[in-house]
């Protein structure tokens, strides 16, 4: 079961809309920073295939400026 965490930087003045879009995605939790312009997203999927699909969905969210993988591991 892949579990990964990302730090996301988004386009200026897009935080609320960006968070709403991220919250629509399944298999991830969204943690917006209160005092910085970043969002932490933690994903947990059943398979590598689902993880890859979710990763591409993250990349497709409108307003994404930068996505960094912070940590990832697979619980086999």
PDB file of N, CA and C in Angstrom:
ATOM      1  N   UNK A   1       0.847  -1.171   0.000  1.00  0.00           N
ATOM      2  CA  UNK A   1       0.000   0.000   0.000  1.00  0.00           C
ATOM      3  C   UNK A   1       0.899   1.244   0.000  1.00  0.00           C
ATOM      4  N   UNK A   2       1.004   1.947  -1.122  1.00  0.00           N
ATOM      5  CA  UNK A   2       1.825   3.153  -1.168  1.00  0.00           C
ATOM      6  C   UNK A   2       1.227   4.299  -0.339  1.00  0.00           C
ATOM      7  N   UNK A   3       2.069   4.903   0.475  1.00  0.00           N
ATOM      8  CA  UNK A   3       1.693   6.084   1.256  1.00  0.00           C
ATOM      9  C   UNK A   3       2.742   7.149   0.953  1.00  0.00           C
ATOM     10  N   UNK A   4       2.277   8.321   0.534  1.00  0.00           N
ATOM     11  CA  UNK A   4       3.209   9.382   0.151  1.00  0.00           C
ATOM     12  C   UNK A   4       2.732  10.719   0.688  1.00  0.00           C
ATOM     13  N   UNK A   5       3.686  11.619   0.899  1.00  0.00           N
ATOM     14  CA  UNK A   5       3.319  12.982   1.287  1.00  0.00           C
ATOM     15  C   UNK A   5       4.010  13.952   0.336  1.00  0.00           C
ATOM     16  N   UNK A   6       3.292  15.015   0.025  1.00  0.00           N
ATOM     17  CA  UNK A   6       3.761  16.021  -0.916  1.00  0.00           C
ATOM     18  C   UNK A   6       3.620  17.409  -0.299  1.00  0.00           C
ATOM     19  N   UNK A   7       4.510  18.294  -0.683  1.00  0.00           N
ATOM     20  CA  UNK A   7       4.335  19.719  -0.415  1.00  0.00           C
ATOM     21  C   UNK A   7       3.984  20.352  -1.748  1.00  0.00           C
ATOM     22  N   UNK A   8       2.903  21.133  -1.734  1.00  0.00           N
ATOM     23  CA  UNK A   8       2.413  21.748  -2.962  1.00  0.00           C
ATOM     24  C   UNK A   8       2.478  23.263  -2.846  1.00  0.00           C
ATOM     25  N   UNK A   9       3.015  23.878  -3.872  1.00  0.00           N
ATOM     26  CA  UNK A   9       2.984  25.333  -4.017  1.00  0.00           C
ATOM     27  C   UNK A   9       1.985  25.626  -5.124  1.00  0.00           C
ATOM     28  N   UNK A  10       1.149  26.616  -4.910  1.00  0.00           N
ATOM     29  CA  UNK A  10       0.083  26.922  -5.861  1.00  0.00           C
ATOM     30  C   UNK A  10       0.224  28.365  -6.334  1.00  0.00           C
ATOM     31  N   UNK A  11      -0.483  28.673  -7.402  1.00  0.00           N
ATOM     32  CA  UNK A  11      -0.436  30.021  -7.945  1.00  0.00           C
ATOM     33  C   UNK A  11      -1.009  31.022  -6.948  1.00  0.00           C
ATOM     34  N   UNK A  12      -0.490  32.226  -6.996  1.00  0.00           N
ATOM     35  CA  UNK A  12      -0.893  33.282  -6.071  1.00  0.00           C
ATOM     36  C   UNK A  12      -2.405  33.505  -6.095  1.00  0.00           C
ATOM     37  N   UNK A  13      -2.981  33.686  -4.913  1.00  0.00           N
ATOM     38  CA  UNK A  13      -4.415  33.962  -4.734  1.00  0.00           C
ATOM     39  C   UNK A  13      -5.319  32.814  -5.190  1.00  0.00           C
ATOM     40  N   UNK A  14      -4.818  31.582  -5.226  1.00  0.00           N
ATOM     41  CA  UNK A  14      -5.621  30.439  -5.661  1.00  0.00           C
ATOM     42  C   UNK A  14      -5.811  29.403  -4.557  1.00  0.00           C
ATOM     43  N   UNK A  15      -5.444  29.741  -3.328  1.00  0.00           N
ATOM     44  CA  UNK A  15      -5.425  28.757  -2.254  1.00  0.00           C
ATOM     45  C   UNK A  15      -6.788  28.106  -2.035  1.00  0.00           C
ATOM     46  N   UNK A  16      -7.830  28.883  -1.853  1.00  0.00           N
ATOM     47  CA  UNK A  16      -9.145  28.314  -1.539  1.00  0.00           C
ATOM     48  C   UNK A  16      -9.652  27.404  -2.645  1.00  0.00           C
ATOM     49  N   UNK A  17      -9.581  27.861  -3.882  1.00  0.00           N
ATOM     50  CA  UNK A  17     -10.049  27.048  -5.007  1.00  0.00           C
ATOM     51  C   UNK A  17      -9.186  25.797  -5.156  1.00  0.00           C
ATOM     52  N   UNK A  18      -7.887  25.943  -4.940  1.00  0.00           N
ATOM     53  CA  UNK A  18      -6.973  24.814  -5.065  1.00  0.00           C
ATOM     54  C   UNK A  18      -7.271  23.755  -4.004  1.00  0.00           C
ATOM     55  N   UNK A  19      -7.475  24.184  -2.768  1.00  0.00           N
ATOM     56  CA  UNK A  19      -7.790  23.252  -1.678  1.00  0.00           C
ATOM     57  C   UNK A  19      -9.097  22.526  -1.973  1.00  0.00           C
ATOM     58  N   UNK A  20     -10.096  23.226  -2.455  1.00  0.00           N
ATOM     59  CA  UNK A  20     -11.384  22.589  -2.777  1.00  0.00           C
ATOM     60  C   UNK A  20     -11.218  21.513  -3.837  1.00  0.00           C
ATOM     61  N   UNK A  21     -10.404  21.784  -4.848  1.00  0.00           N
ATOM     62  CA  UNK A  21     -10.161  20.791  -5.890  1.00  0.00           C
ATOM     63  C   UNK A  21      -9.433  19.570  -5.335  1.00  0.00           C
ATOM     64  N   UNK A  22      -8.446  19.805  -4.492  1.00  0.00           N
ATOM     65  CA  UNK A  22      -7.711  18.688  -3.889  1.00  0.00           C
ATOM     66  C   UNK A  22      -8.612  17.837  -3.004  1.00  0.00           C
ATOM     67  N   UNK A  23      -9.509  18.466  -2.284  1.00  0.00           N
ATOM     68  CA  UNK A  23     -10.398  17.735  -1.378  1.00  0.00           C
ATOM     69  C   UNK A  23     -11.384  16.842  -2.122  1.00  0.00           C
ATOM     70  N   UNK A  24     -11.585  17.069  -3.387  1.00  0.00           N
ATOM     71  CA  UNK A  24     -12.466  16.223  -4.198  1.00  0.00           C
ATOM     72  C   UNK A  24     -11.807  14.889  -4.547  1.00  0.00           C
ATOM     73  N   UNK A  25     -10.487  14.837  -4.466  1.00  0.00           N
ATOM     74  CA  UNK A  25      -9.762  13.623  -4.836  1.00  0.00           C
ATOM     75  C   UNK A  25      -9.876  12.569  -3.743  1.00  0.00           C
ATOM     76  N   UNK A  26     -10.049  11.333  -4.159  1.00  0.00           N
ATOM     77  CA  UNK A  26     -10.118  10.225  -3.211  1.00  0.00           C
ATOM     78  C   UNK A  26      -8.708   9.789  -2.828  1.00  0.00           C
ATOM     79  N   UNK A  27      -8.589   9.165  -1.686  1.00  0.00           N
ATOM     80  CA  UNK A  27      -7.333   8.584  -1.196  1.00  0.00           C
ATOM     81  C   UNK A  27      -6.271   9.616  -0.833  1.00  0.00           C
ATOM     82  N   UNK A  28      -6.705  10.837  -0.496  1.00  0.00           N
ATOM     83  CA  UNK A  28      -5.725  11.800  -0.035  1.00  0.00           C
ATOM     84  C   UNK A  28      -6.337  12.727   1.008  1.00  0.00           C
ATOM     85  N   UNK A  29      -5.468  13.207   1.894  1.00  0.00           N
ATOM     86  CA  UNK A  29      -5.868  14.177   2.903  1.00  0.00           C
ATOM     87  C   UNK A  29      -5.106  15.460   2.634  1.00  0.00           C
ATOM     88  N   UNK A  30      -5.794  16.575   2.826  1.00  0.00           N
ATOM     89  CA  UNK A  30      -5.251  17.885   2.477  1.00  0.00           C
ATOM     90  C   UNK A  30      -5.075  18.708   3.745  1.00  0.00           C
ATOM     91  N   UNK A  31      -3.857  19.268   3.919  1.00  0.00           N
ATOM     92  CA  UNK A  31      -3.533  20.079   5.093  1.00  0.00           C
ATOM     93  C   UNK A  31      -2.947  21.417   4.646  1.00  0.00           C
ATOM     94  N   UNK A  32      -3.790  22.438   4.482  1.00  0.00           N
ATOM     95  CA  UNK A  32      -3.256  23.746   4.093  1.00  0.00           C
ATOM     96  C   UNK A  32      -2.534  24.409   5.264  1.00  0.00           C
ATOM     97  N   UNK A  33      -1.396  25.005   4.984  1.00  0.00           N
ATOM     98  CA  UNK A  33      -0.671  25.748   6.012  1.00  0.00           C
ATOM     99  C   UNK A  33      -1.442  27.023   6.338  1.00  0.00           C
ATOM    100  N   UNK A  34      -1.405  27.410   7.592  1.00  0.00           N
ATOM    101  CA  UNK A  34      -2.124  28.615   8.007  1.00  0.00           C
ATOM    102  C   UNK A  34      -1.283  29.875   7.837  1.00  0.00           C
ATOM    103  N   UNK A  35       0.031  29.750   7.861  1.00  0.00           N
ATOM    104  CA  UNK A  35       0.874  30.940   7.805  1.00  0.00           C
ATOM    105  C   UNK A  35       1.872  30.941   6.644  1.00  0.00           C
ATOM    106  N   UNK A  36       1.740  29.998   5.716  1.00  0.00           N
ATOM    107  CA  UNK A  36       2.607  29.945   4.541  1.00  0.00           C
ATOM    108  C   UNK A  36       1.775  29.571   3.321  1.00  0.00           C
ATOM    109  N   UNK A  37       2.311  29.829   2.161  1.00  0.00           N
ATOM    110  CA  UNK A  37       1.598  29.532   0.921  1.00  0.00           C
ATOM    111  C   UNK A  37       1.929  28.134   0.404  1.00  0.00           C
ATOM    112  N   UNK A  38       1.708  27.132   1.244  1.00  0.00           N
ATOM    113  CA  UNK A  38       1.923  25.743   0.854  1.00  0.00           C
ATOM    114  C   UNK A  38       0.772  24.885   1.369  1.00  0.00           C
ATOM    115  N   UNK A  39       0.647  23.721   0.764  1.00  0.00           N
ATOM    116  CA  UNK A  39      -0.340  22.730   1.183  1.00  0.00           C
ATOM    117  C   UNK A  39       0.390  21.399   1.290  1.00  0.00           C
ATOM    118  N   UNK A  40       0.113  20.651   2.339  1.00  0.00           N
ATOM    119  CA  UNK A  40       0.646  19.301   2.474  1.00  0.00           C
ATOM    120  C   UNK A  40      -0.475  18.330   2.121  1.00  0.00           C
ATOM    121  N   UNK A  41      -0.148  17.370   1.267  1.00  0.00           N
ATOM    122  CA  UNK A  41      -1.110  16.343   0.870  1.00  0.00           C
ATOM    123  C   UNK A  41      -0.505  14.988   1.200  1.00  0.00           C
ATOM    124  N   UNK A  42      -1.282  14.145   1.883  1.00  0.00           N
ATOM    125  CA  UNK A  42      -0.861  12.786   2.188  1.00  0.00           C
ATOM    126  C   UNK A  42      -1.773  11.850   1.423  1.00  0.00           C
ATOM    127  N   UNK A  43      -1.167  10.947   0.645  1.00  0.00           N
ATOM    128  CA  UNK A  43      -1.951  10.004  -0.153  1.00  0.00           C
ATOM    129  C   UNK A  43      -1.740   8.582   0.356  1.00  0.00           C
ATOM    130  N   UNK A  44      -2.775   7.783   0.208  1.00  0.00           N
ATOM    131  CA  UNK A  44      -2.696   6.361   0.570  1.00  0.00           C
ATOM    132  C   UNK A  44      -3.567   5.598  -0.413  1.00  0.00           C
ATOM    133  N   UNK A  45      -2.936   4.721  -1.188  1.00  0.00           N
ATOM    134  CA  UNK A  45      -3.654   3.944  -2.197  1.00  0.00           C
ATOM    135  C   UNK A  45      -3.382   2.460  -2.007  1.00  0.00           C
ATOM    136  N   UNK A  46      -4.212   1.649  -2.625  1.00  0.00           N
ATOM    137  CA  UNK A  46      -4.089   0.192  -2.481  1.00  0.00           C
ATOM    138  C   UNK A  46      -2.992  -0.404  -3.366  1.00  0.00           C
ATOM    139  N   UNK A  47      -2.741   0.222  -4.521  1.00  0.00           N
ATOM    140  CA  UNK A  47      -1.768  -0.338  -5.470  1.00  0.00           C
ATOM    141  C   UNK A  47      -0.900   0.767  -6.058  1.00  0.00           C
ATOM    142  N   UNK A  48       0.200   0.369  -6.664  1.00  0.00           N
ATOM    143  CA  UNK A  48       1.067   1.322  -7.366  1.00  0.00           C
ATOM    144  C   UNK A  48       0.319   1.971  -8.528  1.00  0.00           C
ATOM    145  N   UNK A  49      -0.518   1.194  -9.204  1.00  0.00           N
ATOM    146  CA  UNK A  49      -1.289   1.726 -10.336  1.00  0.00           C
ATOM    147  C   UNK A  49      -2.214   2.857  -9.884  1.00  0.00           C
ATOM    148  N   UNK A  50      -2.932   2.642  -8.783  1.00  0.00           N
ATOM    149  CA  UNK A  50      -3.803   3.694  -8.253  1.00  0.00           C
ATOM    150  C   UNK A  50      -2.989   4.893  -7.781  1.00  0.00           C
ATOM    151  N   UNK A  51      -1.819   4.644  -7.214  1.00  0.00           N
ATOM    152  CA  UNK A  51      -0.948   5.723  -6.778  1.00  0.00           C
ATOM    153  C   UNK A  51      -0.507   6.579  -7.966  1.00  0.00           C
ATOM    154  N   UNK A  52      -0.144   5.944  -9.053  1.00  0.00           N
ATOM    155  CA  UNK A  52       0.276   6.664 -10.258  1.00  0.00           C
ATOM    156  C   UNK A  52      -0.869   7.509 -10.811  1.00  0.00           C
ATOM    157  N   UNK A  53      -2.071   6.944 -10.835  1.00  0.00           N
ATOM    158  CA  UNK A  53      -3.237   7.697 -11.315  1.00  0.00           C
ATOM    159  C   UNK A  53      -3.509   8.910 -10.432  1.00  0.00           C
ATOM    160  N   UNK A  54      -3.408   8.734  -9.124  1.00  0.00           N
ATOM    161  CA  UNK A  54      -3.634   9.839  -8.204  1.00  0.00           C
ATOM    162  C   UNK A  54      -2.561  10.914  -8.377  1.00  0.00           C
ATOM    163  N   UNK A  55      -1.328  10.500  -8.560  1.00  0.00           N
ATOM    164  CA  UNK A  55      -0.236  11.444  -8.796  1.00  0.00           C
ATOM    165  C   UNK A  55      -0.530  12.312 -10.018  1.00  0.00           C
ATOM    166  N   UNK A  56      -0.987  11.695 -11.090  1.00  0.00           N
ATOM    167  CA  UNK A  56      -1.298  12.452 -12.306  1.00  0.00           C
ATOM    168  C   UNK A  56      -2.496  13.372 -12.100  1.00  0.00           C
ATOM    169  N   UNK A  57      -3.436  12.976 -11.268  1.00  0.00           N
ATOM    170  CA  UNK A  57      -4.563  13.858 -10.940  1.00  0.00           C
ATOM    171  C   UNK A  57      -4.070  15.074 -10.157  1.00  0.00           C
ATOM    172  N   UNK A  58      -3.121  14.861  -9.255  1.00  0.00           N
ATOM    173  CA  UNK A  58      -2.542  15.988  -8.522  1.00  0.00           C
ATOM    174  C   UNK A  58      -1.864  16.965  -9.481  1.00  0.00           C
ATOM    175  N   UNK A  59      -1.147  16.429 -10.452  1.00  0.00           N
ATOM    176  CA  UNK A  59      -0.462  17.275 -11.421  1.00  0.00           C
ATOM    177  C   UNK A  59      -1.432  18.071 -12.289  1.00  0.00           C
ATOM    178  N   UNK A  60      -2.637  17.548 -12.464  1.00  0.00           N
ATOM    179  CA  UNK A  60      -3.621  18.187 -13.342  1.00  0.00           C
ATOM    180  C   UNK A  60      -4.485  19.237 -12.650  1.00  0.00           C
ATOM    181  N   UNK A  61      -4.363  19.388 -11.333  1.00  0.00           N
ATOM    182  CA  UNK A  61      -5.200  20.362 -10.632  1.00  0.00           C
ATOM    183  C   UNK A  61      -4.817  21.768 -11.086  1.00  0.00           C
ATOM    184  N   UNK A  62      -5.824  22.525 -11.502  1.00  0.00           N
ATOM    185  CA  UNK A  62      -5.612  23.879 -12.009  1.00  0.00           C
ATOM    186  C   UNK A  62      -5.035  24.780 -10.915  1.00  0.00           C
ATOM    187  N   UNK A  63      -3.963  25.466 -11.219  1.00  0.00           N
ATOM    188  CA  UNK A  63      -3.345  26.380 -10.271  1.00  0.00           C
ATOM    189  C   UNK A  63      -2.083  25.831  -9.626  1.00  0.00           C
ATOM    190  N   UNK A  64      -1.713  24.605  -9.970  1.00  0.00           N
ATOM    191  CA  UNK A  64      -0.505  24.000  -9.410  1.00  0.00           C
ATOM    192  C   UNK A  64       0.734  24.728  -9.918  1.00  0.00           C
ATOM    193  N   UNK A  65       1.589  25.104  -8.990  1.00  0.00           N
ATOM    194  CA  UNK A  65       2.847  25.762  -9.343  1.00  0.00           C
ATOM    195  C   UNK A  65       4.012  24.777  -9.209  1.00  0.00           C
ATOM    196  N   UNK A  66       4.015  23.989  -8.121  1.00  0.00           N
ATOM    197  CA  UNK A  66       5.107  23.046  -7.882  1.00  0.00           C
ATOM    198  C   UNK A  66       4.627  21.942  -6.938  1.00  0.00           C
ATOM    199  N   UNK A  67       5.024  20.711  -7.228  1.00  0.00           N
ATOM    200  CA  UNK A  67       4.673  19.555  -6.406  1.00  0.00           C
ATOM    201  C   UNK A  67       5.968  18.823  -6.042  1.00  0.00           C
ATOM    202  N   UNK A  68       6.220  18.660  -4.742  1.00  0.00           N
ATOM    203  CA  UNK A  68       7.424  17.977  -4.278  1.00  0.00           C
ATOM    204  C   UNK A  68       7.066  16.769  -3.427  1.00  0.00           C
ATOM    205  N   UNK A  69       7.588  15.611  -3.775  1.00  0.00           N
ATOM    206  CA  UNK A  69       7.429  14.422  -2.955  1.00  0.00           C
ATOM    207  C   UNK A  69       8.339  14.560  -1.751  1.00  0.00           C
ATOM    208  N   UNK A  70       7.768  14.451  -0.550  1.00  0.00           N
ATOM    209  CA  UNK A  70       8.544  14.592   0.669  1.00  0.00           C
ATOM    210  C   UNK A  70       8.924  13.223   1.221  1.00  0.00           C
ATOM    211  N   UNK A  71       7.980  12.310   1.192  1.00  0.00           N
ATOM    212  CA  UNK A  71       8.215  10.988   1.750  1.00  0.00           C
ATOM    213  C   UNK A  71       7.309   9.989   1.059  1.00  0.00           C
ATOM    214  N   UNK A  72       7.805   8.777   0.897  1.00  0.00           N
ATOM    215  CA  UNK A  72       6.986   7.739   0.306  1.00  0.00           C
ATOM    216  C   UNK A  72       7.485   6.376   0.721  1.00  0.00           C
ATOM    217  N   UNK A  73       6.549   5.467   0.986  1.00  0.00           N
ATOM    218  CA  UNK A  73       6.927   4.096   1.271  1.00  0.00           C
ATOM    219  C   UNK A  73       5.776   3.172   0.923  1.00  0.00           C
ATOM    220  N   UNK A  74       6.082   1.904   0.778  1.00  0.00           N
ATOM    221  CA  UNK A  74       5.106   0.905   0.400  1.00  0.00           C
ATOM    222  C   UNK A  74       5.067  -0.154   1.496  1.00  0.00           C
ATOM    223  N   UNK A  75       3.862  -0.422   2.010  1.00  0.00           N
ATOM    224  CA  UNK A  75       3.702  -1.379   3.111  1.00  0.00           C
ATOM    225  C   UNK A  75       3.311  -2.742   2.566  1.00  0.00           C
ATOM    226  N   UNK A  76       4.292  -3.449   2.031  1.00  0.00           N
ATOM    227  CA  UNK A  76       4.026  -4.794   1.467  1.00  0.00           C
ATOM    228  C   UNK A  76       4.215  -5.832   2.530  1.00  0.00           C
TER     229      UNK A  76
END
